[in-house]
């Protein structure tokens, strides 16, 4: 089964020092290598800043509503993700706990529904 590990940051977090930021990036590179070496990696990406987001909604009359930035009024943002192919939720939780994002922010684990379309 595939699981998405969503790395959720917070605008309320204290900014990292350059040294801490470098250490976090090295930790993510090590984690990335670990999931690849384990053969469970499906996909992964870091997202650009939430400030670059554009939200699109289609109204009842079919008109597009375009909003700069994330639509939700929240202090949290989606910073990146991993999609891993794992046997069960417990294994997904173990991988999430190993993710550096779980120490710096938090990681949300979500099973991906398979509709057999791809």
PDB file of N, CA and C in Angstrom:
ATOM      1  N   UNK A   1       0.837  -1.174   0.000  1.00  0.00           N
ATOM      2  CA  UNK A   1       0.000   0.000   0.000  1.00  0.00           C
ATOM      3  C   UNK A   1       0.886   1.242   0.000  1.00  0.00           C
ATOM      4  N   UNK A   2       0.393   2.282  -0.644  1.00  0.00           N
ATOM      5  CA  UNK A   2       1.156   3.525  -0.691  1.00  0.00           C
ATOM      6  C   UNK A   2       0.663   4.474   0.394  1.00  0.00           C
ATOM      7  N   UNK A   3       1.633   5.163   1.013  1.00  0.00           N
ATOM      8  CA  UNK A   3       1.347   6.150   2.042  1.00  0.00           C
ATOM      9  C   UNK A   3       2.029   7.454   1.666  1.00  0.00           C
ATOM     10  N   UNK A   4       1.331   8.559   1.916  1.00  0.00           N
ATOM     11  CA  UNK A   4       1.931   9.869   1.707  1.00  0.00           C
ATOM     12  C   UNK A   4       2.322  10.420   3.069  1.00  0.00           C
ATOM     13  N   UNK A   5       3.566  10.808   3.184  1.00  0.00           N
ATOM     14  CA  UNK A   5       4.060  11.468   4.384  1.00  0.00           C
ATOM     15  C   UNK A   5       4.122  12.951   4.059  1.00  0.00           C
ATOM     16  N   UNK A   6       3.222  13.725   4.658  1.00  0.00           N
ATOM     17  CA  UNK A   6       3.129  15.155   4.407  1.00  0.00           C
ATOM     18  C   UNK A   6       3.942  15.897   5.464  1.00  0.00           C
ATOM     19  N   UNK A   7       4.889  16.676   5.029  1.00  0.00           N
ATOM     20  CA  UNK A   7       5.737  17.422   5.952  1.00  0.00           C
ATOM     21  C   UNK A   7       5.083  18.786   6.156  1.00  0.00           C
ATOM     22  N   UNK A   8       4.571  18.994   7.372  1.00  0.00           N
ATOM     23  CA  UNK A   8       3.798  20.180   7.697  1.00  0.00           C
ATOM     24  C   UNK A   8       4.645  21.119   8.544  1.00  0.00           C
ATOM     25  N   UNK A   9       4.932  22.295   7.993  1.00  0.00           N
ATOM     26  CA  UNK A   9       5.692  23.309   8.721  1.00  0.00           C
ATOM     27  C   UNK A   9       4.757  24.281   9.410  1.00  0.00           C
ATOM     28  N   UNK A  10       5.336  25.184  10.178  1.00  0.00           N
ATOM     29  CA  UNK A  10       4.551  26.189  10.887  1.00  0.00           C
ATOM     30  C   UNK A  10       5.215  27.542  10.745  1.00  0.00           C
ATOM     31  N   UNK A  11       4.412  28.548  10.434  1.00  0.00           N
ATOM     32  CA  UNK A  11       4.932  29.910  10.357  1.00  0.00           C
ATOM     33  C   UNK A  11       5.353  30.414  11.730  1.00  0.00           C
ATOM     34  N   UNK A  12       4.870  29.778  12.775  1.00  0.00           N
ATOM     35  CA  UNK A  12       5.189  30.195  14.133  1.00  0.00           C
ATOM     36  C   UNK A  12       6.522  29.642  14.624  1.00  0.00           C
ATOM     37  N   UNK A  13       7.151  28.748  13.838  1.00  0.00           N
ATOM     38  CA  UNK A  13       8.439  28.185  14.243  1.00  0.00           C
ATOM     39  C   UNK A  13       9.509  29.264  14.209  1.00  0.00           C
ATOM     40  N   UNK A  14      10.429  29.176  15.133  1.00  0.00           N
ATOM     41  CA  UNK A  14      11.562  30.095  15.109  1.00  0.00           C
ATOM     42  C   UNK A  14      12.404  29.799  13.882  1.00  0.00           C
ATOM     43  N   UNK A  15      12.905  30.831  13.208  1.00  0.00           N
ATOM     44  CA  UNK A  15      13.749  30.591  12.031  1.00  0.00           C
ATOM     45  C   UNK A  15      15.009  29.827  12.429  1.00  0.00           C
ATOM     46  N   UNK A  16      15.439  28.955  11.537  1.00  0.00           N
ATOM     47  CA  UNK A  16      16.644  28.178  11.792  1.00  0.00           C
ATOM     48  C   UNK A  16      17.881  29.014  11.508  1.00  0.00           C
ATOM     49  N   UNK A  17      18.908  28.773  12.286  1.00  0.00           N
ATOM     50  CA  UNK A  17      20.194  29.393  11.969  1.00  0.00           C
ATOM     51  C   UNK A  17      20.720  28.739  10.704  1.00  0.00           C
ATOM     52  N   UNK A  18      21.672  29.373  10.052  1.00  0.00           N
ATOM     53  CA  UNK A  18      22.258  28.800   8.832  1.00  0.00           C
ATOM     54  C   UNK A  18      22.848  27.424   9.122  1.00  0.00           C
ATOM     55  N   UNK A  19      23.477  27.280  10.270  1.00  0.00           N
ATOM     56  CA  UNK A  19      24.084  25.991  10.646  1.00  0.00           C
ATOM     57  C   UNK A  19      23.013  24.928  10.873  1.00  0.00           C
ATOM     58  N   UNK A  20      21.941  25.284  11.565  1.00  0.00           N
ATOM     59  CA  UNK A  20      20.854  24.327  11.812  1.00  0.00           C
ATOM     60  C   UNK A  20      20.154  23.965  10.506  1.00  0.00           C
ATOM     61  N   UNK A  21      19.975  24.955   9.625  1.00  0.00           N
ATOM     62  CA  UNK A  21      19.341  24.704   8.329  1.00  0.00           C
ATOM     63  C   UNK A  21      20.201  23.734   7.511  1.00  0.00           C
ATOM     64  N   UNK A  22      21.511  23.916   7.516  1.00  0.00           N
ATOM     65  CA  UNK A  22      22.416  23.015   6.793  1.00  0.00           C
ATOM     66  C   UNK A  22      22.339  21.608   7.385  1.00  0.00           C
ATOM     67  N   UNK A  23      22.296  21.510   8.704  1.00  0.00           N
ATOM     68  CA  UNK A  23      22.185  20.208   9.356  1.00  0.00           C
ATOM     69  C   UNK A  23      20.880  19.506   9.016  1.00  0.00           C
ATOM     70  N   UNK A  24      19.796  20.277   8.934  1.00  0.00           N
ATOM     71  CA  UNK A  24      18.495  19.710   8.576  1.00  0.00           C
ATOM     72  C   UNK A  24      18.514  19.208   7.137  1.00  0.00           C
ATOM     73  N   UNK A  25      19.112  19.974   6.232  1.00  0.00           N
ATOM     74  CA  UNK A  25      19.199  19.548   4.831  1.00  0.00           C
ATOM     75  C   UNK A  25      20.018  18.265   4.711  1.00  0.00           C
ATOM     76  N   UNK A  26      21.102  18.167   5.452  1.00  0.00           N
ATOM     77  CA  UNK A  26      21.915  16.944   5.433  1.00  0.00           C
ATOM     78  C   UNK A  26      21.110  15.766   5.984  1.00  0.00           C
ATOM     79  N   UNK A  27      20.321  16.015   7.025  1.00  0.00           N
ATOM     80  CA  UNK A  27      19.482  14.953   7.589  1.00  0.00           C
ATOM     81  C   UNK A  27      18.447  14.488   6.565  1.00  0.00           C
ATOM     82  N   UNK A  28      17.849  15.426   5.831  1.00  0.00           N
ATOM     83  CA  UNK A  28      16.883  15.057   4.791  1.00  0.00           C
ATOM     84  C   UNK A  28      17.553  14.272   3.670  1.00  0.00           C
ATOM     85  N   UNK A  29      18.780  14.643   3.299  1.00  0.00           N
ATOM     86  CA  UNK A  29      19.487  13.892   2.249  1.00  0.00           C
ATOM     87  C   UNK A  29      19.755  12.462   2.717  1.00  0.00           C
ATOM     88  N   UNK A  30      20.120  12.294   3.982  1.00  0.00           N
ATOM     89  CA  UNK A  30      20.330  10.959   4.535  1.00  0.00           C
ATOM     90  C   UNK A  30      19.041  10.153   4.575  1.00  0.00           C
ATOM     91  N   UNK A  31      17.951  10.799   4.954  1.00  0.00           N
ATOM     92  CA  UNK A  31      16.646  10.129   4.989  1.00  0.00           C
ATOM     93  C   UNK A  31      16.228   9.722   3.577  1.00  0.00           C
ATOM     94  N   UNK A  32      16.410  10.618   2.628  1.00  0.00           N
ATOM     95  CA  UNK A  32      16.068  10.330   1.239  1.00  0.00           C
ATOM     96  C   UNK A  32      16.844   9.107   0.739  1.00  0.00           C
ATOM     97  N   UNK A  33      18.124   9.066   1.046  1.00  0.00           N
ATOM     98  CA  UNK A  33      18.944   7.911   0.659  1.00  0.00           C
ATOM     99  C   UNK A  33      18.427   6.638   1.327  1.00  0.00           C
ATOM    100  N   UNK A  34      18.024   6.735   2.580  1.00  0.00           N
ATOM    101  CA  UNK A  34      17.531   5.559   3.309  1.00  0.00           C
ATOM    102  C   UNK A  34      16.261   4.996   2.687  1.00  0.00           C
ATOM    103  N   UNK A  35      15.310   5.866   2.318  1.00  0.00           N
ATOM    104  CA  UNK A  35      14.072   5.344   1.722  1.00  0.00           C
ATOM    105  C   UNK A  35      14.342   4.779   0.327  1.00  0.00           C
ATOM    106  N   UNK A  36      15.281   5.386  -0.395  1.00  0.00           N
ATOM    107  CA  UNK A  36      15.651   4.844  -1.712  1.00  0.00           C
ATOM    108  C   UNK A  36      16.342   3.498  -1.561  1.00  0.00           C
ATOM    109  N   UNK A  37      17.308   3.423  -0.643  1.00  0.00           N
ATOM    110  CA  UNK A  37      18.048   2.176  -0.420  1.00  0.00           C
ATOM    111  C   UNK A  37      17.130   1.053   0.051  1.00  0.00           C
ATOM    112  N   UNK A  38      16.076   1.406   0.803  1.00  0.00           N
ATOM    113  CA  UNK A  38      15.128   0.394   1.296  1.00  0.00           C
ATOM    114  C   UNK A  38      14.161  -0.059   0.204  1.00  0.00           C
ATOM    115  N   UNK A  39      14.165   0.634  -0.930  1.00  0.00           N
ATOM    116  CA  UNK A  39      13.291   0.255  -2.038  1.00  0.00           C
ATOM    117  C   UNK A  39      11.827   0.611  -1.836  1.00  0.00           C
ATOM    118  N   UNK A  40      11.549   1.582  -0.948  1.00  0.00           N
ATOM    119  CA  UNK A  40      10.159   1.944  -0.683  1.00  0.00           C
ATOM    120  C   UNK A  40       9.757   3.283  -1.307  1.00  0.00           C
ATOM    121  N   UNK A  41      10.706   3.997  -1.884  1.00  0.00           N
ATOM    122  CA  UNK A  41      10.435   5.318  -2.460  1.00  0.00           C
ATOM    123  C   UNK A  41       9.580   5.206  -3.716  1.00  0.00           C
ATOM    124  N   UNK A  42       8.527   5.982  -3.775  1.00  0.00           N
ATOM    125  CA  UNK A  42       7.708   6.121  -4.976  1.00  0.00           C
ATOM    126  C   UNK A  42       7.938   7.511  -5.565  1.00  0.00           C
ATOM    127  N   UNK A  43       7.856   8.548  -4.706  1.00  0.00           N
ATOM    128  CA  UNK A  43       8.041   9.921  -5.156  1.00  0.00           C
ATOM    129  C   UNK A  43       8.310  10.798  -3.943  1.00  0.00           C
ATOM    130  N   UNK A  44       8.929  11.941  -4.190  1.00  0.00           N
ATOM    131  CA  UNK A  44       9.193  12.905  -3.129  1.00  0.00           C
ATOM    132  C   UNK A  44       9.499  14.246  -3.758  1.00  0.00           C
ATOM    133  N   UNK A  45       9.068  15.307  -3.108  1.00  0.00           N
ATOM    134  CA  UNK A  45       9.394  16.653  -3.556  1.00  0.00           C
ATOM    135  C   UNK A  45       9.314  17.630  -2.408  1.00  0.00           C
ATOM    136  N   UNK A  46      10.094  18.698  -2.531  1.00  0.00           N
ATOM    137  CA  UNK A  46       9.990  19.848  -1.649  1.00  0.00           C
ATOM    138  C   UNK A  46       9.167  20.878  -2.403  1.00  0.00           C
ATOM    139  N   UNK A  47       8.211  21.495  -1.732  1.00  0.00           N
ATOM    140  CA  UNK A  47       7.375  22.499  -2.367  1.00  0.00           C
ATOM    141  C   UNK A  47       7.973  23.886  -2.152  1.00  0.00           C
ATOM    142  N   UNK A  48       7.761  24.762  -3.123  1.00  0.00           N
ATOM    143  CA  UNK A  48       8.191  26.141  -2.981  1.00  0.00           C
ATOM    144  C   UNK A  48       7.401  26.773  -1.834  1.00  0.00           C
ATOM    145  N   UNK A  49       7.789  27.934  -1.413  1.00  0.00           N
ATOM    146  CA  UNK A  49       7.162  28.623  -0.297  1.00  0.00           C
ATOM    147  C   UNK A  49       5.648  28.729  -0.476  1.00  0.00           C
ATOM    148  N   UNK A  50       4.921  28.622   0.626  1.00  0.00           N
ATOM    149  CA  UNK A  50       3.469  28.763   0.580  1.00  0.00           C
ATOM    150  C   UNK A  50       3.078  30.134   0.038  1.00  0.00           C
ATOM    151  N   UNK A  51       3.962  31.091   0.137  1.00  0.00           N
ATOM    152  CA  UNK A  51       3.677  32.441  -0.358  1.00  0.00           C
ATOM    153  C   UNK A  51       3.578  32.484  -1.882  1.00  0.00           C
ATOM    154  N   UNK A  52       4.073  31.450  -2.560  1.00  0.00           N
ATOM    155  CA  UNK A  52       4.011  31.400  -4.020  1.00  0.00           C
ATOM    156  C   UNK A  52       2.783  30.648  -4.519  1.00  0.00           C
ATOM    157  N   UNK A  53       1.972  30.148  -3.585  1.00  0.00           N
ATOM    158  CA  UNK A  53       0.803  29.345  -3.956  1.00  0.00           C
ATOM    159  C   UNK A  53      -0.270  30.193  -4.633  1.00  0.00           C
ATOM    160  N   UNK A  54      -1.017  29.554  -5.504  1.00  0.00           N
ATOM    161  CA  UNK A  54      -2.204  30.142  -6.117  1.00  0.00           C
ATOM    162  C   UNK A  54      -3.340  29.144  -5.921  1.00  0.00           C
ATOM    163  N   UNK A  55      -4.437  29.617  -5.354  1.00  0.00           N
ATOM    164  CA  UNK A  55      -5.598  28.753  -5.143  1.00  0.00           C
ATOM    165  C   UNK A  55      -6.620  29.009  -6.238  1.00  0.00           C
ATOM    166  N   UNK A  56      -7.199  27.937  -6.769  1.00  0.00           N
ATOM    167  CA  UNK A  56      -8.195  28.034  -7.835  1.00  0.00           C
ATOM    168  C   UNK A  56      -9.468  27.348  -7.361  1.00  0.00           C
ATOM    169  N   UNK A  57     -10.563  28.032  -7.529  1.00  0.00           N
ATOM    170  CA  UNK A  57     -11.870  27.477  -7.182  1.00  0.00           C
ATOM    171  C   UNK A  57     -12.826  27.835  -8.315  1.00  0.00           C
ATOM    172  N   UNK A  58     -13.740  26.941  -8.626  1.00  0.00           N
ATOM    173  CA  UNK A  58     -14.742  27.228  -9.651  1.00  0.00           C
ATOM    174  C   UNK A  58     -16.069  27.432  -8.944  1.00  0.00           C
ATOM    175  N   UNK A  59     -16.663  28.611  -9.166  1.00  0.00           N
ATOM    176  CA  UNK A  59     -17.929  28.960  -8.537  1.00  0.00           C
ATOM    177  C   UNK A  59     -19.099  28.213  -9.148  1.00  0.00           C
ATOM    178  N   UNK A  60     -20.250  28.391  -8.579  1.00  0.00           N
ATOM    179  CA  UNK A  60     -21.467  27.695  -9.033  1.00  0.00           C
ATOM    180  C   UNK A  60     -21.846  28.055 -10.458  1.00  0.00           C
ATOM    181  N   UNK A  61     -21.477  29.242 -10.888  1.00  0.00           N
ATOM    182  CA  UNK A  61     -21.811  29.671 -12.253  1.00  0.00           C
ATOM    183  C   UNK A  61     -20.705  29.318 -13.240  1.00  0.00           C
ATOM    184  N   UNK A  62     -19.679  28.614 -12.758  1.00  0.00           N
ATOM    185  CA  UNK A  62     -18.585  28.196 -13.627  1.00  0.00           C
ATOM    186  C   UNK A  62     -17.452  29.192 -13.709  1.00  0.00           C
ATOM    187  N   UNK A  63     -17.562  30.318 -13.001  1.00  0.00           N
ATOM    188  CA  UNK A  63     -16.493  31.309 -13.026  1.00  0.00           C
ATOM    189  C   UNK A  63     -15.343  30.870 -12.127  1.00  0.00           C
ATOM    190  N   UNK A  64     -14.134  31.207 -12.551  1.00  0.00           N
ATOM    191  CA  UNK A  64     -12.943  30.866 -11.769  1.00  0.00           C
ATOM    192  C   UNK A  64     -12.683  31.937 -10.715  1.00  0.00           C
ATOM    193  N   UNK A  65     -12.338  31.462  -9.529  1.00  0.00           N
ATOM    194  CA  UNK A  65     -11.954  32.361  -8.445  1.00  0.00           C
ATOM    195  C   UNK A  65     -10.489  32.051  -8.148  1.00  0.00           C
ATOM    196  N   UNK A  66      -9.610  32.999  -8.446  1.00  0.00           N
ATOM    197  CA  UNK A  66      -8.172  32.825  -8.281  1.00  0.00           C
ATOM    198  C   UNK A  66      -7.736  33.659  -7.078  1.00  0.00           C
ATOM    199  N   UNK A  67      -7.018  33.020  -6.154  1.00  0.00           N
ATOM    200  CA  UNK A  67      -6.538  33.700  -4.957  1.00  0.00           C
ATOM    201  C   UNK A  67      -5.042  33.484  -4.831  1.00  0.00           C
ATOM    202  N   UNK A  68      -4.291  34.552  -4.612  1.00  0.00           N
ATOM    203  CA  UNK A  68      -2.862  34.410  -4.349  1.00  0.00           C
ATOM    204  C   UNK A  68      -2.671  33.830  -2.956  1.00  0.00           C
ATOM    205  N   UNK A  69      -1.737  32.913  -2.851  1.00  0.00           N
ATOM    206  CA  UNK A  69      -1.446  32.304  -1.565  1.00  0.00           C
ATOM    207  C   UNK A  69      -2.390  31.166  -1.252  1.00  0.00           C
ATOM    208  N   UNK A  70      -2.119  30.474  -0.158  1.00  0.00           N
ATOM    209  CA  UNK A  70      -2.997  29.368   0.238  1.00  0.00           C
ATOM    210  C   UNK A  70      -4.354  29.921   0.650  1.00  0.00           C
ATOM    211  N   UNK A  71      -5.402  29.162   0.395  1.00  0.00           N
ATOM    212  CA  UNK A  71      -6.756  29.614   0.681  1.00  0.00           C
ATOM    213  C   UNK A  71      -7.046  29.613   2.181  1.00  0.00           C
ATOM    214  N   UNK A  72      -6.595  28.588   2.858  1.00  0.00           N
ATOM    215  CA  UNK A  72      -6.913  28.439   4.280  1.00  0.00           C
ATOM    216  C   UNK A  72      -6.179  29.481   5.128  1.00  0.00           C
ATOM    217  N   UNK A  73      -6.884  30.000   6.101  1.00  0.00           N
ATOM    218  CA  UNK A  73      -6.271  30.911   7.073  1.00  0.00           C
ATOM    219  C   UNK A  73      -5.662  30.048   8.168  1.00  0.00           C
ATOM    220  N   UNK A  74      -4.400  29.750   8.025  1.00  0.00           N
ATOM    221  CA  UNK A  74      -3.737  28.871   8.977  1.00  0.00           C
ATOM    222  C   UNK A  74      -2.285  29.279   9.120  1.00  0.00           C
ATOM    223  N   UNK A  75      -1.691  28.899  10.191  1.00  0.00           N
ATOM    224  CA  UNK A  75      -0.275  29.193  10.418  1.00  0.00           C
ATOM    225  C   UNK A  75       0.593  28.032   9.912  1.00  0.00           C
ATOM    226  N   UNK A  76      -0.040  26.932   9.518  1.00  0.00           N
ATOM    227  CA  UNK A  76       0.696  25.769   9.026  1.00  0.00           C
ATOM    228  C   UNK A  76       0.710  25.752   7.505  1.00  0.00           C
ATOM    229  N   UNK A  77       1.693  25.062   6.955  1.00  0.00           N
ATOM    230  CA  UNK A  77       1.798  24.957   5.499  1.00  0.00           C
ATOM    231  C   UNK A  77       2.403  23.612   5.127  1.00  0.00           C
ATOM    232  N   UNK A  78       2.075  23.159   3.923  1.00  0.00           N
ATOM    233  CA  UNK A  78       2.637  21.924   3.391  1.00  0.00           C
ATOM    234  C   UNK A  78       3.988  22.255   2.769  1.00  0.00           C
ATOM    235  N   UNK A  79       5.044  21.679   3.307  1.00  0.00           N
ATOM    236  CA  UNK A  79       6.391  21.992   2.840  1.00  0.00           C
ATOM    237  C   UNK A  79       6.953  20.980   1.860  1.00  0.00           C
ATOM    238  N   UNK A  80       6.455  19.764   1.897  1.00  0.00           N
ATOM    239  CA  UNK A  80       6.944  18.717   1.007  1.00  0.00           C
ATOM    240  C   UNK A  80       6.272  17.404   1.337  1.00  0.00           C
ATOM    241  N   UNK A  81       6.672  16.376   0.603  1.00  0.00           N
ATOM    242  CA  UNK A  81       6.029  15.079   0.821  1.00  0.00           C
ATOM    243  C   UNK A  81       6.934  13.948   0.357  1.00  0.00           C
ATOM    244  N   UNK A  82       6.639  12.781   0.868  1.00  0.00           N
ATOM    245  CA  UNK A  82       7.196  11.519   0.397  1.00  0.00           C
ATOM    246  C   UNK A  82       6.012  10.605   0.127  1.00  0.00           C
ATOM    247  N   UNK A  83       6.064   9.852  -0.946  1.00  0.00           N
ATOM    248  CA  UNK A  83       5.117   8.766  -1.177  1.00  0.00           C
ATOM    249  C   UNK A  83       5.937   7.484  -1.097  1.00  0.00           C
ATOM    250  N   UNK A  84       5.574   6.632  -0.155  1.00  0.00           N
ATOM    251  CA  UNK A  84       6.312   5.390   0.086  1.00  0.00           C
ATOM    252  C   UNK A  84       5.381   4.202  -0.099  1.00  0.00           C
ATOM    253  N   UNK A  85       5.916   3.128  -0.648  1.00  0.00           N
ATOM    254  CA  UNK A  85       5.169   1.886  -0.824  1.00  0.00           C
ATOM    255  C   UNK A  85       5.542   0.964   0.333  1.00  0.00           C
ATOM    256  N   UNK A  86       4.605   0.790   1.262  1.00  0.00           N
ATOM    257  CA  UNK A  86       4.887   0.095   2.518  1.00  0.00           C
ATOM    258  C   UNK A  86       3.811  -0.936   2.814  1.00  0.00           C
ATOM    259  N   UNK A  87       4.129  -1.937   3.640  1.00  0.00           N
ATOM    260  CA  UNK A  87       3.162  -3.007   3.899  1.00  0.00           C
ATOM    261  C   UNK A  87       1.986  -2.611   4.783  1.00  0.00           C
ATOM    262  N   UNK A  88       2.189  -1.627   5.702  1.00  0.00           N
ATOM    263  CA  UNK A  88       1.108  -1.312   6.639  1.00  0.00           C
ATOM    264  C   UNK A  88       1.337   0.047   7.301  1.00  0.00           C
ATOM    265  N   UNK A  89       0.325   0.497   8.048  1.00  0.00           N
ATOM    266  CA  UNK A  89       0.380   1.789   8.711  1.00  0.00           C
ATOM    267  C   UNK A  89       1.506   1.860   9.740  1.00  0.00           C
ATOM    268  N   UNK A  90       1.726   0.777  10.484  1.00  0.00           N
ATOM    269  CA  UNK A  90       2.789   0.792  11.488  1.00  0.00           C
ATOM    270  C   UNK A  90       4.152   1.069  10.849  1.00  0.00           C
ATOM    271  N   UNK A  91       4.404   0.485   9.695  1.00  0.00           N
ATOM    272  CA  UNK A  91       5.663   0.725   8.990  1.00  0.00           C
ATOM    273  C   UNK A  91       5.725   2.172   8.504  1.00  0.00           C
ATOM    274  N   UNK A  92       4.592   2.690   8.037  1.00  0.00           N
ATOM    275  CA  UNK A  92       4.544   4.085   7.600  1.00  0.00           C
ATOM    276  C   UNK A  92       4.832   5.031   8.762  1.00  0.00           C
ATOM    277  N   UNK A  93       4.296   4.724   9.925  1.00  0.00           N
ATOM    278  CA  UNK A  93       4.548   5.542  11.116  1.00  0.00           C
ATOM    279  C   UNK A  93       6.019   5.484  11.491  1.00  0.00           C
ATOM    280  N   UNK A  94       6.631   4.304  11.379  1.00  0.00           N
ATOM    281  CA  UNK A  94       8.067   4.175  11.664  1.00  0.00           C
ATOM    282  C   UNK A  94       8.886   5.059  10.729  1.00  0.00           C
ATOM    283  N   UNK A  95       8.572   5.034   9.422  1.00  0.00           N
ATOM    284  CA  UNK A  95       9.298   5.882   8.463  1.00  0.00           C
ATOM    285  C   UNK A  95       9.040   7.357   8.748  1.00  0.00           C
ATOM    286  N   UNK A  96       7.815   7.714   9.112  1.00  0.00           N
ATOM    287  CA  UNK A  96       7.499   9.111   9.433  1.00  0.00           C
ATOM    288  C   UNK A  96       8.300   9.589  10.639  1.00  0.00           C
ATOM    289  N   UNK A  97       8.447   8.732  11.637  1.00  0.00           N
ATOM    290  CA  UNK A  97       9.206   9.092  12.834  1.00  0.00           C
ATOM    291  C   UNK A  97      10.689   9.292  12.521  1.00  0.00           C
ATOM    292  N   UNK A  98      11.187   8.605  11.504  1.00  0.00           N
ATOM    293  CA  UNK A  98      12.591   8.747  11.097  1.00  0.00           C
ATOM    294  C   UNK A  98      12.824   9.999  10.257  1.00  0.00           C
ATOM    295  N   UNK A  99      11.760  10.570   9.699  1.00  0.00           N
ATOM    296  CA  UNK A  99      11.871  11.736   8.824  1.00  0.00           C
ATOM    297  C   UNK A  99      12.321  12.955   9.636  1.00  0.00           C
ATOM    298  N   UNK A 100      13.325  13.680   9.160  1.00  0.00           N
ATOM    299  CA  UNK A 100      13.762  14.885   9.875  1.00  0.00           C
ATOM    300  C   UNK A 100      12.646  15.910  10.063  1.00  0.00           C
ATOM    301  N   UNK A 101      11.654  15.902   9.170  1.00  0.00           N
ATOM    302  CA  UNK A 101      10.531  16.819   9.309  1.00  0.00           C
ATOM    303  C   UNK A 101       9.739  16.583  10.584  1.00  0.00           C
ATOM    304  N   UNK A 102       9.765  15.359  11.121  1.00  0.00           N
ATOM    305  CA  UNK A 102       9.044  15.045  12.355  1.00  0.00           C
ATOM    306  C   UNK A 102       9.715  15.702  13.559  1.00  0.00           C
ATOM    307  N   UNK A 103      11.011  15.970  13.457  1.00  0.00           N
ATOM    308  CA  UNK A 103      11.714  16.646  14.544  1.00  0.00           C
ATOM    309  C   UNK A 103      11.642  18.164  14.396  1.00  0.00           C
ATOM    310  N   UNK A 104      11.696  18.651  13.156  1.00  0.00           N
ATOM    311  CA  UNK A 104      11.681  20.097  12.926  1.00  0.00           C
ATOM    312  C   UNK A 104      10.261  20.661  12.955  1.00  0.00           C
ATOM    313  N   UNK A 105       9.274  19.898  12.453  1.00  0.00           N
ATOM    314  CA  UNK A 105       7.895  20.354  12.383  1.00  0.00           C
ATOM    315  C   UNK A 105       6.996  19.184  12.771  1.00  0.00           C
ATOM    316  N   UNK A 106       6.247  18.643  11.803  1.00  0.00           N
ATOM    317  CA  UNK A 106       5.491  17.410  12.032  1.00  0.00           C
ATOM    318  C   UNK A 106       5.239  16.739  10.688  1.00  0.00           C
ATOM    319  N   UNK A 107       4.981  15.432  10.746  1.00  0.00           N
ATOM    320  CA  UNK A 107       4.709  14.654   9.539  1.00  0.00           C
ATOM    321  C   UNK A 107       3.352  13.987   9.704  1.00  0.00           C
ATOM    322  N   UNK A 108       2.488  14.231   8.739  1.00  0.00           N
ATOM    323  CA  UNK A 108       1.162  13.602   8.719  1.00  0.00           C
ATOM    324  C   UNK A 108       1.232  12.406   7.777  1.00  0.00           C
ATOM    325  N   UNK A 109       0.725  11.255   8.213  1.00  0.00           N
ATOM    326  CA  UNK A 109       0.731  10.020   7.423  1.00  0.00           C
ATOM    327  C   UNK A 109      -0.677   9.776   6.896  1.00  0.00           C
ATOM    328  N   UNK A 110      -0.783   9.635   5.568  1.00  0.00           N
ATOM    329  CA  UNK A 110      -2.096   9.391   4.958  1.00  0.00           C
ATOM    330  C   UNK A 110      -1.991   8.245   3.966  1.00  0.00           C
ATOM    331  N   UNK A 111      -2.848   7.216   4.107  1.00  0.00           N
ATOM    332  CA  UNK A 111      -2.887   6.161   3.085  1.00  0.00           C
ATOM    333  C   UNK A 111      -3.412   6.750   1.784  1.00  0.00           C
ATOM    334  N   UNK A 112      -2.907   6.258   0.675  1.00  0.00           N
ATOM    335  CA  UNK A 112      -3.363   6.697  -0.635  1.00  0.00           C
ATOM    336  C   UNK A 112      -4.346   5.655  -1.152  1.00  0.00           C
ATOM    337  N   UNK A 113      -5.526   6.109  -1.505  1.00  0.00           N
ATOM    338  CA  UNK A 113      -6.542   5.189  -2.038  1.00  0.00           C
ATOM    339  C   UNK A 113      -6.161   4.810  -3.460  1.00  0.00           C
ATOM    340  N   UNK A 114      -6.313   3.528  -3.751  1.00  0.00           N
ATOM    341  CA  UNK A 114      -6.007   3.025  -5.088  1.00  0.00           C
ATOM    342  C   UNK A 114      -7.305   2.698  -5.803  1.00  0.00           C
ATOM    343  N   UNK A 115      -7.602   3.484  -6.837  1.00  0.00           N
ATOM    344  CA  UNK A 115      -8.799   3.244  -7.623  1.00  0.00           C
ATOM    345  C   UNK A 115      -8.482   2.452  -8.897  1.00  0.00           C
ATOM    346  N   UNK A 116      -7.221   2.011  -9.029  1.00  0.00           N
ATOM    347  CA  UNK A 116      -6.820   1.208 -10.180  1.00  0.00           C
ATOM    348  C   UNK A 116      -6.866   1.943 -11.491  1.00  0.00           C
ATOM    349  N   UNK A 117      -6.668   3.249 -11.462  1.00  0.00           N
ATOM    350  CA  UNK A 117      -6.755   4.042 -12.678  1.00  0.00           C
ATOM    351  C   UNK A 117      -5.410   4.234 -13.385  1.00  0.00           C
ATOM    352  N   UNK A 118      -4.312   3.998 -12.681  1.00  0.00           N
ATOM    353  CA  UNK A 118      -3.027   4.233 -13.344  1.00  0.00           C
ATOM    354  C   UNK A 118      -2.284   2.956 -13.588  1.00  0.00           C
TER     355      UNK A 118
END
